[in-house]
Amino acid sequence: MARKHIPQRTCVGCRQVQAKREMIRIVRTPEGRVEIDPTGKKSGRGAYLHPRRSCWERALKDGRLEYALRMEALREEDRMALVAYASTLPEDEG
């Protein structure tokens, strides 16, 4: 019996590849908002991050998230919401 294909995605923060279901999707909606997409089904341009604070901090600090979402800059309210979410994540796995 053939093994089922598991979709892979690259983390915007650390550039490591992992299974899509183990990562958190960030989406730029058609209206230009940036939101966390827990279902992975929202319409818009998506980027993936590991559920680790270090990946989120790197993606937000270095402009990697804006680049992946093809944006000039994040709106301040969207950035603050992402920073608040990142603060609830563990430092590192293990």
N, C-alpha and C. Protein backbone atom coordinates (compact mmCIF):
# COMPACT_ATOMS: atom_id res chain seq x y z
N MET A 1 0.84 -1.17 0.00
CA MET A 1 0.00 0.00 0.00
C MET A 1 0.89 1.25 0.00
N ALA A 2 0.58 2.18 -0.84
CA ALA A 2 1.38 3.40 -0.97
C ALA A 2 1.17 4.32 0.22
N ARG A 3 2.26 4.97 0.63
CA ARG A 3 2.15 5.94 1.73
C ARG A 3 1.52 7.22 1.22
N LYS A 4 0.75 7.84 2.08
CA LYS A 4 0.06 9.08 1.71
C LYS A 4 1.06 10.23 1.69
N HIS A 5 0.93 11.10 0.70
CA HIS A 5 1.79 12.28 0.59
C HIS A 5 1.49 13.25 1.73
N ILE A 6 2.53 13.74 2.38
CA ILE A 6 2.38 14.72 3.46
C ILE A 6 2.91 16.06 2.95
N PRO A 7 2.05 17.07 2.84
CA PRO A 7 2.51 18.38 2.35
C PRO A 7 3.57 18.97 3.27
N GLN A 8 4.61 19.54 2.68
CA GLN A 8 5.70 20.16 3.41
C GLN A 8 5.69 21.67 3.18
N ARG A 9 6.08 22.44 4.19
CA ARG A 9 6.19 23.89 4.07
C ARG A 9 7.48 24.35 4.74
N THR A 10 7.98 25.50 4.31
CA THR A 10 9.19 26.08 4.87
C THR A 10 8.83 27.18 5.85
N CYS A 11 9.44 27.14 7.03
CA CYS A 11 9.22 28.17 8.05
C CYS A 11 9.88 29.47 7.59
N VAL A 12 9.14 30.56 7.65
CA VAL A 12 9.66 31.87 7.26
C VAL A 12 10.75 32.33 8.22
N GLY A 13 10.67 31.91 9.48
CA GLY A 13 11.63 32.35 10.49
C GLY A 13 12.97 31.66 10.41
N CYS A 14 12.97 30.31 10.38
CA CYS A 14 14.23 29.56 10.43
C CYS A 14 14.58 28.85 9.13
N ARG A 15 13.68 28.85 8.17
CA ARG A 15 13.88 28.26 6.84
C ARG A 15 13.98 26.73 6.87
N GLN A 16 13.51 26.08 7.93
CA GLN A 16 13.48 24.62 7.99
C GLN A 16 12.17 24.12 7.42
N VAL A 17 12.23 22.97 6.76
CA VAL A 17 11.04 22.36 6.16
C VAL A 17 10.43 21.38 7.15
N GLN A 18 9.11 21.42 7.24
CA GLN A 18 8.39 20.53 8.15
C GLN A 18 7.00 20.28 7.59
N ALA A 19 6.31 19.31 8.15
CA ALA A 19 4.95 19.00 7.71
C ALA A 19 4.04 20.22 7.92
N LYS A 20 3.21 20.47 6.94
CA LYS A 20 2.31 21.64 6.95
C LYS A 20 1.44 21.68 8.21
N ARG A 21 0.93 20.54 8.64
CA ARG A 21 0.02 20.48 9.79
C ARG A 21 0.70 20.84 11.12
N GLU A 22 2.03 20.77 11.17
CA GLU A 22 2.76 21.07 12.40
C GLU A 22 3.15 22.54 12.50
N MET A 23 2.75 23.33 11.52
CA MET A 23 3.13 24.74 11.48
C MET A 23 1.89 25.63 11.57
N ILE A 24 2.13 26.90 11.82
CA ILE A 24 1.04 27.87 11.94
C ILE A 24 1.04 28.74 10.70
N ARG A 25 -0.12 28.88 10.07
CA ARG A 25 -0.23 29.68 8.85
C ARG A 25 -0.64 31.11 9.19
N ILE A 26 0.07 32.04 8.57
CA ILE A 26 -0.27 33.46 8.64
C ILE A 26 -0.76 33.82 7.24
N VAL A 27 -1.85 34.56 7.16
CA VAL A 27 -2.43 34.88 5.85
C VAL A 27 -2.62 36.39 5.70
N ARG A 28 -2.31 36.87 4.49
CA ARG A 28 -2.66 38.26 4.13
C ARG A 28 -3.96 38.15 3.36
N THR A 29 -5.01 38.71 3.93
CA THR A 29 -6.33 38.62 3.32
C THR A 29 -6.41 39.53 2.09
N PRO A 30 -7.40 39.32 1.23
CA PRO A 30 -7.57 40.22 0.08
C PRO A 30 -7.78 41.68 0.49
N GLU A 31 -8.24 41.91 1.73
CA GLU A 31 -8.44 43.29 2.22
C GLU A 31 -7.14 43.91 2.73
N GLY A 32 -6.06 43.12 2.79
CA GLY A 32 -4.77 43.64 3.23
C GLY A 32 -4.46 43.42 4.70
N ARG A 33 -5.35 42.75 5.43
CA ARG A 33 -5.11 42.43 6.84
C ARG A 33 -4.21 41.20 6.94
N VAL A 34 -3.47 41.10 8.03
CA VAL A 34 -2.65 39.93 8.30
C VAL A 34 -3.24 39.24 9.52
N GLU A 35 -3.55 37.94 9.37
CA GLU A 35 -4.22 37.19 10.43
C GLU A 35 -3.59 35.82 10.59
N ILE A 36 -3.75 35.25 11.78
CA ILE A 36 -3.38 33.87 12.01
C ILE A 36 -4.52 33.01 11.49
N ASP A 37 -4.16 31.97 10.74
CA ASP A 37 -5.16 31.10 10.11
C ASP A 37 -5.05 29.69 10.70
N PRO A 38 -5.74 29.41 11.80
CA PRO A 38 -5.62 28.09 12.42
C PRO A 38 -6.16 26.95 11.56
N THR A 39 -7.11 27.23 10.69
CA THR A 39 -7.69 26.18 9.84
C THR A 39 -6.86 25.92 8.59
N GLY A 40 -6.06 26.91 8.17
CA GLY A 40 -5.28 26.77 6.95
C GLY A 40 -6.11 26.90 5.70
N LYS A 41 -7.32 27.43 5.81
CA LYS A 41 -8.23 27.49 4.66
C LYS A 41 -8.66 28.89 4.27
N LYS A 42 -8.20 29.90 4.99
CA LYS A 42 -8.61 31.26 4.65
C LYS A 42 -8.05 31.66 3.30
N SER A 43 -8.79 32.50 2.62
CA SER A 43 -8.38 32.99 1.32
C SER A 43 -7.28 34.04 1.49
N GLY A 44 -6.26 33.96 0.66
CA GLY A 44 -5.20 34.96 0.68
C GLY A 44 -3.82 34.35 0.59
N ARG A 45 -2.83 35.21 0.57
CA ARG A 45 -1.43 34.80 0.48
C ARG A 45 -0.97 34.29 1.85
N GLY A 46 -0.39 33.10 1.90
CA GLY A 46 -0.02 32.51 3.18
C GLY A 46 1.48 32.36 3.37
N ALA A 47 1.87 32.28 4.63
CA ALA A 47 3.24 32.00 5.04
C ALA A 47 3.16 31.12 6.29
N TYR A 48 4.18 30.31 6.51
CA TYR A 48 4.15 29.36 7.62
C TYR A 48 5.28 29.62 8.60
N LEU A 49 4.97 29.41 9.89
CA LEU A 49 5.95 29.56 10.97
C LEU A 49 5.82 28.38 11.93
N HIS A 50 6.96 27.97 12.50
CA HIS A 50 6.92 26.96 13.56
C HIS A 50 6.23 27.55 14.79
N PRO A 51 5.66 26.72 15.62
CA PRO A 51 5.06 27.22 16.86
C PRO A 51 6.11 27.44 17.94
N ARG A 52 7.16 28.21 17.60
CA ARG A 52 8.24 28.56 18.53
C ARG A 52 8.44 30.06 18.50
N ARG A 53 8.62 30.64 19.65
CA ARG A 53 8.77 32.09 19.75
C ARG A 53 9.96 32.60 18.94
N SER A 54 11.07 31.85 18.91
CA SER A 54 12.27 32.30 18.20
C SER A 54 12.00 32.49 16.70
N CYS A 55 11.22 31.61 16.10
CA CYS A 55 10.90 31.74 14.68
C CYS A 55 10.04 32.97 14.43
N TRP A 56 9.06 33.21 15.30
CA TRP A 56 8.17 34.36 15.15
C TRP A 56 8.95 35.67 15.31
N GLU A 57 9.83 35.73 16.32
CA GLU A 57 10.60 36.95 16.55
C GLU A 57 11.50 37.26 15.35
N ARG A 58 12.15 36.22 14.80
CA ARG A 58 13.02 36.42 13.66
C ARG A 58 12.23 36.87 12.43
N ALA A 59 11.08 36.26 12.20
CA ALA A 59 10.26 36.61 11.04
C ALA A 59 9.74 38.04 11.14
N LEU A 60 9.36 38.47 12.34
CA LEU A 60 8.83 39.83 12.53
C LEU A 60 9.93 40.87 12.54
N LYS A 61 11.09 40.54 13.08
CA LYS A 61 12.18 41.51 13.21
C LYS A 61 12.86 41.78 11.86
N ASP A 62 13.14 40.75 11.13
CA ASP A 62 13.94 40.87 9.90
C ASP A 62 13.14 41.21 8.65
N GLY A 63 11.82 41.36 8.77
CA GLY A 63 11.01 41.66 7.60
C GLY A 63 10.74 40.46 6.73
N ARG A 64 11.05 39.27 7.23
CA ARG A 64 10.83 38.06 6.44
C ARG A 64 9.34 37.79 6.19
N LEU A 65 8.53 38.11 7.18
CA LEU A 65 7.10 37.87 7.03
C LEU A 65 6.51 38.78 5.96
N GLU A 66 6.89 40.04 5.96
CA GLU A 66 6.41 40.97 4.93
C GLU A 66 6.82 40.49 3.54
N TYR A 67 8.07 40.02 3.42
CA TYR A 67 8.57 39.54 2.13
C TYR A 67 7.76 38.32 1.67
N ALA A 68 7.53 37.37 2.58
CA ALA A 68 6.79 36.15 2.23
C ALA A 68 5.35 36.45 1.85
N LEU A 69 4.77 37.46 2.49
CA LEU A 69 3.38 37.82 2.20
C LEU A 69 3.27 38.86 1.08
N ARG A 70 4.42 39.25 0.53
CA ARG A 70 4.49 40.24 -0.55
C ARG A 70 3.82 41.55 -0.16
N MET A 71 4.30 42.10 0.96
CA MET A 71 3.76 43.36 1.49
C MET A 71 4.89 44.36 1.67
N GLU A 72 4.55 45.64 1.65
CA GLU A 72 5.52 46.68 1.97
C GLU A 72 5.83 46.66 3.47
N ALA A 73 4.79 46.69 4.29
CA ALA A 73 4.95 46.68 5.75
C ALA A 73 3.66 46.19 6.40
N LEU A 74 3.82 45.61 7.58
CA LEU A 74 2.64 45.20 8.35
C LEU A 74 1.99 46.41 8.98
N ARG A 75 0.67 46.40 9.06
CA ARG A 75 -0.03 47.45 9.82
C ARG A 75 0.31 47.27 11.29
N GLU A 76 0.40 48.36 12.01
CA GLU A 76 0.83 48.30 13.42
C GLU A 76 -0.10 47.41 14.25
N GLU A 77 -1.40 47.48 14.02
CA GLU A 77 -2.33 46.65 14.80
C GLU A 77 -2.15 45.17 14.49
N ASP A 78 -1.84 44.83 13.22
CA ASP A 78 -1.58 43.44 12.86
C ASP A 78 -0.28 42.96 13.51
N ARG A 79 0.76 43.80 13.47
CA ARG A 79 2.04 43.46 14.09
C ARG A 79 1.86 43.21 15.59
N MET A 80 1.11 44.07 16.26
CA MET A 80 0.91 43.92 17.70
C MET A 80 0.15 42.63 18.01
N ALA A 81 -0.82 42.27 17.18
CA ALA A 81 -1.57 41.03 17.39
C ALA A 81 -0.65 39.81 17.22
N LEU A 82 0.24 39.85 16.23
CA LEU A 82 1.17 38.75 16.01
C LEU A 82 2.19 38.65 17.14
N VAL A 83 2.69 39.79 17.62
CA VAL A 83 3.63 39.80 18.74
C VAL A 83 2.96 39.24 19.99
N ALA A 84 1.71 39.63 20.23
CA ALA A 84 0.98 39.12 21.39
C ALA A 84 0.80 37.60 21.30
N TYR A 85 0.48 37.11 20.11
CA TYR A 85 0.33 35.66 19.93
C TYR A 85 1.67 34.96 20.15
N ALA A 86 2.74 35.52 19.60
CA ALA A 86 4.07 34.93 19.73
C ALA A 86 4.50 34.83 21.19
N SER A 87 4.08 35.78 22.01
CA SER A 87 4.48 35.76 23.42
C SER A 87 3.85 34.59 24.18
N THR A 88 2.81 33.97 23.62
CA THR A 88 2.19 32.81 24.26
C THR A 88 2.86 31.50 23.86
N LEU A 89 3.76 31.55 22.88
CA LEU A 89 4.41 30.34 22.38
C LEU A 89 5.62 29.98 23.23
N PRO A 90 6.00 28.68 23.24
CA PRO A 90 7.19 28.28 23.99
C PRO A 90 8.46 28.82 23.33
N GLU A 91 9.52 28.98 24.13
CA GLU A 91 10.81 29.47 23.62
C GLU A 91 11.34 28.54 22.53
N ASP A 92 11.44 27.27 22.83
CA ASP A 92 11.93 26.27 21.89
C ASP A 92 11.31 24.93 22.25
N GLU A 93 11.33 24.02 21.28
CA GLU A 93 10.82 22.67 21.57
C GLU A 93 11.85 21.92 22.39
N GLY A 94 11.36 21.07 23.27
CA GLY A 94 12.27 20.20 24.00
C GLY A 94 12.62 20.63 25.32
